[in-house]
């Protein structure tokens, strides 16, 4: 997966740059590990293959406008059936999942790059930096600028939605395995 390879390259680049950047290197490595875990979740936890295709589409197209009909087409389902399956399998709606992926990626970029807030907003699918900042504040209770200025204090809180999503997938996988043995 190209996102995983890019995250690993970024980690190595930060690690080699200078000792003060070790935190950025750790963050980039953490992102790479999480990406590899997401690939494993989608492929190995009993997740419906149609939904795995949609999750992959989301990850690869964060900069684009992503709609439920687009995702349903990727999954070869009707929009209503897709939304119901998505909620059942992931524990969240497609819109909330997309926003959480965008915010997670934005956090990584805020901590690992010197790109402007507007550039980061655009890179995660927001065409308006003000709207991005408002959504970021709603999710993390601070502005992107404040988040960037205090990364050590907030580092452990970066992925609230994704963590719940991963926990739900792990529970679903255990439930499915339990049904297989009965």
C-alpha atoms as a PDB file:
ATOM      1  CA  UNK A   1       0.000   0.000   0.000  1.00  0.00           C
ATOM      2  CA  UNK A   2       1.411   3.388  -1.001  1.00  0.00           C
ATOM      3  CA  UNK A   3       0.212   5.199   2.136  1.00  0.00           C
ATOM      4  CA  UNK A   4       2.080   2.720   4.321  1.00  0.00           C
ATOM      5  CA  UNK A   5       5.263   3.021   2.266  1.00  0.00           C
ATOM      6  CA  UNK A   6       5.037   6.822   2.335  1.00  0.00           C
ATOM      7  CA  UNK A   7       4.582   6.832   6.120  1.00  0.00           C
ATOM      8  CA  UNK A   8       7.633   4.617   6.564  1.00  0.00           C
ATOM      9  CA  UNK A   9       9.737   6.869   4.302  1.00  0.00           C
ATOM     10  CA  UNK A  10       8.573   9.923   6.234  1.00  0.00           C
ATOM     11  CA  UNK A  11       9.545   8.281   9.532  1.00  0.00           C
ATOM     12  CA  UNK A  12      13.011   7.505   8.247  1.00  0.00           C
ATOM     13  CA  UNK A  13      13.433  11.034   6.865  1.00  0.00           C
ATOM     14  CA  UNK A  14      12.558  12.622  10.229  1.00  0.00           C
ATOM     15  CA  UNK A  15      14.757  10.186  12.126  1.00  0.00           C
ATOM     16  CA  UNK A  16      17.778  11.058   9.987  1.00  0.00           C
ATOM     17  CA  UNK A  17      17.233  14.839   9.960  1.00  0.00           C
ATOM     18  CA  UNK A  18      18.290  15.796  13.499  1.00  0.00           C
ATOM     19  CA  UNK A  19      17.911  14.602  17.085  1.00  0.00           C
ATOM     20  CA  UNK A  20      15.254  17.213  17.939  1.00  0.00           C
ATOM     21  CA  UNK A  21      13.000  15.645  15.348  1.00  0.00           C
ATOM     22  CA  UNK A  22      12.830  12.237  17.016  1.00  0.00           C
ATOM     23  CA  UNK A  23       9.288  12.963  18.192  1.00  0.00           C
ATOM     24  CA  UNK A  24       8.233  13.619  14.599  1.00  0.00           C
ATOM     25  CA  UNK A  25       9.917  10.404  13.549  1.00  0.00           C
ATOM     26  CA  UNK A  26       8.052   8.474  16.231  1.00  0.00           C
ATOM     27  CA  UNK A  27       4.773  10.019  15.114  1.00  0.00           C
ATOM     28  CA  UNK A  28       5.392   9.090  11.467  1.00  0.00           C
ATOM     29  CA  UNK A  29       6.317   5.535  12.501  1.00  0.00           C
ATOM     30  CA  UNK A  30       3.186   5.311  14.629  1.00  0.00           C
ATOM     31  CA  UNK A  31       1.148   6.399  11.594  1.00  0.00           C
ATOM     32  CA  UNK A  32       2.791   3.680   9.484  1.00  0.00           C
ATOM     33  CA  UNK A  33       2.002   1.047  12.095  1.00  0.00           C
ATOM     34  CA  UNK A  34      -1.597   2.213  12.336  1.00  0.00           C
ATOM     35  CA  UNK A  35      -1.937   2.089   8.555  1.00  0.00           C
ATOM     36  CA  UNK A  36      -0.629  -1.465   8.530  1.00  0.00           C
ATOM     37  CA  UNK A  37      -3.096  -2.335  11.296  1.00  0.00           C
ATOM     38  CA  UNK A  38      -5.969  -0.836   9.315  1.00  0.00           C
ATOM     39  CA  UNK A  39      -5.041  -2.942   6.308  1.00  0.00           C
ATOM     40  CA  UNK A  40      -4.958  -6.008   8.536  1.00  0.00           C
ATOM     41  CA  UNK A  41      -8.300  -5.051  10.121  1.00  0.00           C
ATOM     42  CA  UNK A  42      -9.948  -4.703   6.743  1.00  0.00           C
ATOM     43  CA  UNK A  43      -8.502  -7.934   5.379  1.00  0.00           C
ATOM     44  CA  UNK A  44      -8.283 -10.255   8.374  1.00  0.00           C
ATOM     45  CA  UNK A  45     -11.057  -9.523  10.833  1.00  0.00           C
ATOM     46  CA  UNK A  46     -14.009 -11.005   9.010  1.00  0.00           C
ATOM     47  CA  UNK A  47     -14.915  -7.631   7.541  1.00  0.00           C
ATOM     48  CA  UNK A  48     -17.222  -7.856   4.546  1.00  0.00           C
ATOM     49  CA  UNK A  49     -15.044  -7.640   1.417  1.00  0.00           C
ATOM     50  CA  UNK A  50     -17.372  -5.026  -0.097  1.00  0.00           C
ATOM     51  CA  UNK A  51     -16.869  -2.862   2.937  1.00  0.00           C
ATOM     52  CA  UNK A  52     -13.108  -3.421   2.835  1.00  0.00           C
ATOM     53  CA  UNK A  53     -13.141  -2.037  -0.729  1.00  0.00           C
ATOM     54  CA  UNK A  54     -15.004   1.050   0.473  1.00  0.00           C
ATOM     55  CA  UNK A  55     -12.601   1.597   3.406  1.00  0.00           C
ATOM     56  CA  UNK A  56      -9.684   1.359   1.014  1.00  0.00           C
ATOM     57  CA  UNK A  57     -11.385   3.869  -1.287  1.00  0.00           C
ATOM     58  CA  UNK A  58     -11.788   6.298   1.639  1.00  0.00           C
ATOM     59  CA  UNK A  59      -8.117   6.017   2.608  1.00  0.00           C
ATOM     60  CA  UNK A  60      -6.937   6.564  -0.955  1.00  0.00           C
ATOM     61  CA  UNK A  61      -9.308   9.455  -1.728  1.00  0.00           C
ATOM     62  CA  UNK A  62      -9.313  11.623   1.412  1.00  0.00           C
ATOM     63  CA  UNK A  63      -8.597  14.743  -0.648  1.00  0.00           C
ATOM     64  CA  UNK A  64     -11.751  14.225  -2.714  1.00  0.00           C
ATOM     65  CA  UNK A  65     -15.401  14.756  -1.880  1.00  0.00           C
ATOM     66  CA  UNK A  66     -16.588  11.285  -0.837  1.00  0.00           C
ATOM     67  CA  UNK A  67     -20.295  10.524  -0.757  1.00  0.00           C
ATOM     68  CA  UNK A  68     -22.280   7.502   0.376  1.00  0.00           C
ATOM     69  CA  UNK A  69     -23.385   6.838  -3.240  1.00  0.00           C
ATOM     70  CA  UNK A  70     -19.686   6.814  -4.291  1.00  0.00           C
ATOM     71  CA  UNK A  71     -18.833   4.347  -1.533  1.00  0.00           C
ATOM     72  CA  UNK A  72     -21.915   2.241  -2.296  1.00  0.00           C
ATOM     73  CA  UNK A  73     -20.806   2.026  -5.928  1.00  0.00           C
ATOM     74  CA  UNK A  74     -17.350   0.847  -4.777  1.00  0.00           C
ATOM     75  CA  UNK A  75     -19.033  -1.815  -2.660  1.00  0.00           C
ATOM     76  CA  UNK A  76     -21.557  -2.756  -5.379  1.00  0.00           C
ATOM     77  CA  UNK A  77     -24.470  -2.025  -3.044  1.00  0.00           C
ATOM     78  CA  UNK A  78     -27.355   0.427  -2.957  1.00  0.00           C
ATOM     79  CA  UNK A  79     -26.639   3.549  -0.865  1.00  0.00           C
ATOM     80  CA  UNK A  80     -29.158   2.556   1.815  1.00  0.00           C
ATOM     81  CA  UNK A  81     -27.858  -1.033   2.077  1.00  0.00           C
ATOM     82  CA  UNK A  82     -24.271   0.224   2.119  1.00  0.00           C
ATOM     83  CA  UNK A  83     -24.978   2.722   4.936  1.00  0.00           C
ATOM     84  CA  UNK A  84     -26.670   0.015   7.011  1.00  0.00           C
ATOM     85  CA  UNK A  85     -23.838  -2.481   6.436  1.00  0.00           C
ATOM     86  CA  UNK A  86     -21.222   0.164   7.199  1.00  0.00           C
ATOM     87  CA  UNK A  87     -22.885   1.067  10.507  1.00  0.00           C
ATOM     88  CA  UNK A  88     -23.251  -2.603  11.468  1.00  0.00           C
ATOM     89  CA  UNK A  89     -19.666  -3.518  10.611  1.00  0.00           C
ATOM     90  CA  UNK A  90     -17.830  -0.421  11.894  1.00  0.00           C
ATOM     91  CA  UNK A  91     -20.111   0.951  14.587  1.00  0.00           C
ATOM     92  CA  UNK A  92     -20.209   4.420  13.003  1.00  0.00           C
ATOM     93  CA  UNK A  93     -21.711   6.165  10.006  1.00  0.00           C
ATOM     94  CA  UNK A  94     -19.748   6.628   6.777  1.00  0.00           C
ATOM     95  CA  UNK A  95     -19.670  10.424   7.251  1.00  0.00           C
ATOM     96  CA  UNK A  96     -18.283  10.166  10.791  1.00  0.00           C
ATOM     97  CA  UNK A  97     -15.710   7.609   9.713  1.00  0.00           C
ATOM     98  CA  UNK A  98     -14.556   9.809   6.823  1.00  0.00           C
ATOM     99  CA  UNK A  99     -14.270  12.821   9.113  1.00  0.00           C
ATOM    100  CA  UNK A 100     -12.319  10.825  11.704  1.00  0.00           C
ATOM    101  CA  UNK A 101      -9.883   9.621   9.019  1.00  0.00           C
ATOM    102  CA  UNK A 102      -9.460  13.192   7.786  1.00  0.00           C
ATOM    103  CA  UNK A 103      -8.862  14.496  11.298  1.00  0.00           C
ATOM    104  CA  UNK A 104      -6.427  11.688  12.095  1.00  0.00           C
ATOM    105  CA  UNK A 105      -4.457  12.429   8.929  1.00  0.00           C
ATOM    106  CA  UNK A 106      -4.555  16.162   9.677  1.00  0.00           C
ATOM    107  CA  UNK A 107      -3.157  15.535  13.175  1.00  0.00           C
ATOM    108  CA  UNK A 108      -0.326  13.498  11.726  1.00  0.00           C
ATOM    109  CA  UNK A 109       0.470  16.232   9.227  1.00  0.00           C
ATOM    110  CA  UNK A 110       0.254  18.984  11.828  1.00  0.00           C
ATOM    111  CA  UNK A 111       2.841  17.158  13.918  1.00  0.00           C
ATOM    112  CA  UNK A 112       5.085  15.948  11.112  1.00  0.00           C
ATOM    113  CA  UNK A 113       5.248  18.827   8.641  1.00  0.00           C
ATOM    114  CA  UNK A 114       5.611  22.568   8.414  1.00  0.00           C
ATOM    115  CA  UNK A 115       2.757  22.889   5.914  1.00  0.00           C
ATOM    116  CA  UNK A 116       0.301  25.690   6.556  1.00  0.00           C
ATOM    117  CA  UNK A 117      -3.090  24.962   8.113  1.00  0.00           C
ATOM    118  CA  UNK A 118      -4.692  25.797   4.735  1.00  0.00           C
ATOM    119  CA  UNK A 119      -2.414  23.316   2.931  1.00  0.00           C
ATOM    120  CA  UNK A 120      -3.181  20.605   5.460  1.00  0.00           C
ATOM    121  CA  UNK A 121      -6.901  21.341   5.238  1.00  0.00           C
ATOM    122  CA  UNK A 122      -6.767  20.954   1.473  1.00  0.00           C
ATOM    123  CA  UNK A 123      -4.673  17.776   1.719  1.00  0.00           C
ATOM    124  CA  UNK A 124      -7.381  16.089   3.797  1.00  0.00           C
ATOM    125  CA  UNK A 125     -10.338  17.136   1.684  1.00  0.00           C
ATOM    126  CA  UNK A 126     -11.426  20.506   3.065  1.00  0.00           C
ATOM    127  CA  UNK A 127     -11.585  23.292   0.481  1.00  0.00           C
ATOM    128  CA  UNK A 128     -12.008  25.923   3.186  1.00  0.00           C
ATOM    129  CA  UNK A 129      -9.422  26.315   5.961  1.00  0.00           C
ATOM    130  CA  UNK A 130     -11.928  28.077   8.210  1.00  0.00           C
ATOM    131  CA  UNK A 131     -14.367  25.146   7.973  1.00  0.00           C
ATOM    132  CA  UNK A 132     -11.504  22.717   8.622  1.00  0.00           C
ATOM    133  CA  UNK A 133     -10.436  24.680  11.723  1.00  0.00           C
ATOM    134  CA  UNK A 134     -14.008  24.755  13.014  1.00  0.00           C
ATOM    135  CA  UNK A 135     -14.410  20.986  12.572  1.00  0.00           C
ATOM    136  CA  UNK A 136     -10.978  20.364  14.123  1.00  0.00           C
ATOM    137  CA  UNK A 137     -11.939  22.462  17.148  1.00  0.00           C
ATOM    138  CA  UNK A 138     -15.230  20.561  17.471  1.00  0.00           C
ATOM    139  CA  UNK A 139     -13.402  17.217  17.519  1.00  0.00           C
ATOM    140  CA  UNK A 140     -10.316  18.093  19.614  1.00  0.00           C
ATOM    141  CA  UNK A 141     -11.426  21.118  21.659  1.00  0.00           C
ATOM    142  CA  UNK A 142      -8.550  23.224  20.326  1.00  0.00           C
ATOM    143  CA  UNK A 143      -7.502  24.861  17.097  1.00  0.00           C
ATOM    144  CA  UNK A 144      -5.104  23.169  14.673  1.00  0.00           C
ATOM    145  CA  UNK A 145      -2.527  25.851  15.503  1.00  0.00           C
ATOM    146  CA  UNK A 146      -2.780  25.179  19.247  1.00  0.00           C
ATOM    147  CA  UNK A 147      -2.601  21.439  18.598  1.00  0.00           C
ATOM    148  CA  UNK A 148       0.585  21.908  16.581  1.00  0.00           C
ATOM    149  CA  UNK A 149       2.142  24.049  19.326  1.00  0.00           C
ATOM    150  CA  UNK A 150       1.545  21.467  22.058  1.00  0.00           C
ATOM    151  CA  UNK A 151       1.993  18.050  20.401  1.00  0.00           C
ATOM    152  CA  UNK A 152       3.426  16.267  23.429  1.00  0.00           C
ATOM    153  CA  UNK A 153       0.479  17.113  25.628  1.00  0.00           C
ATOM    154  CA  UNK A 154      -2.125  15.967  23.090  1.00  0.00           C
ATOM    155  CA  UNK A 155      -0.313  13.158  21.336  1.00  0.00           C
ATOM    156  CA  UNK A 156      -2.143  10.362  23.144  1.00  0.00           C
ATOM    157  CA  UNK A 157      -5.556  11.815  22.194  1.00  0.00           C
ATOM    158  CA  UNK A 158      -5.031  12.003  18.432  1.00  0.00           C
ATOM    159  CA  UNK A 159      -7.301   9.144  17.311  1.00  0.00           C
ATOM    160  CA  UNK A 160     -10.508   9.001  19.355  1.00  0.00           C
ATOM    161  CA  UNK A 161     -12.818   7.909  16.497  1.00  0.00           C
ATOM    162  CA  UNK A 162     -10.389   5.468  14.910  1.00  0.00           C
ATOM    163  CA  UNK A 163      -9.653   3.788  18.239  1.00  0.00           C
ATOM    164  CA  UNK A 164     -13.362   3.188  18.807  1.00  0.00           C
ATOM    165  CA  UNK A 165     -13.614   1.898  15.230  1.00  0.00           C
ATOM    166  CA  UNK A 166     -10.676  -0.501  15.725  1.00  0.00           C
ATOM    167  CA  UNK A 167     -12.141  -1.714  19.049  1.00  0.00           C
ATOM    168  CA  UNK A 168     -15.475  -2.355  17.330  1.00  0.00           C
ATOM    169  CA  UNK A 169     -13.777  -4.319  14.515  1.00  0.00           C
ATOM    170  CA  UNK A 170     -11.833  -6.410  17.033  1.00  0.00           C
ATOM    171  CA  UNK A 171     -15.011  -7.154  19.007  1.00  0.00           C
ATOM    172  CA  UNK A 172     -16.850  -8.018  15.789  1.00  0.00           C
ATOM    173  CA  UNK A 173     -14.021 -10.346  14.777  1.00  0.00           C
ATOM    174  CA  UNK A 174     -14.161 -12.119  18.151  1.00  0.00           C
ATOM    175  CA  UNK A 175     -17.949 -12.404  17.832  1.00  0.00           C
ATOM    176  CA  UNK A 176     -17.617 -13.908  14.362  1.00  0.00           C
ATOM    177  CA  UNK A 177     -14.976 -16.388  15.510  1.00  0.00           C
ATOM    178  CA  UNK A 178     -17.219 -17.378  18.424  1.00  0.00           C
ATOM    179  CA  UNK A 179     -20.060 -18.115  16.013  1.00  0.00           C
ATOM    180  CA  UNK A 180     -17.760 -20.226  13.836  1.00  0.00           C
ATOM    181  CA  UNK A 181     -16.938 -22.567  16.711  1.00  0.00           C
ATOM    182  CA  UNK A 182     -20.545 -23.155  17.729  1.00  0.00           C
END
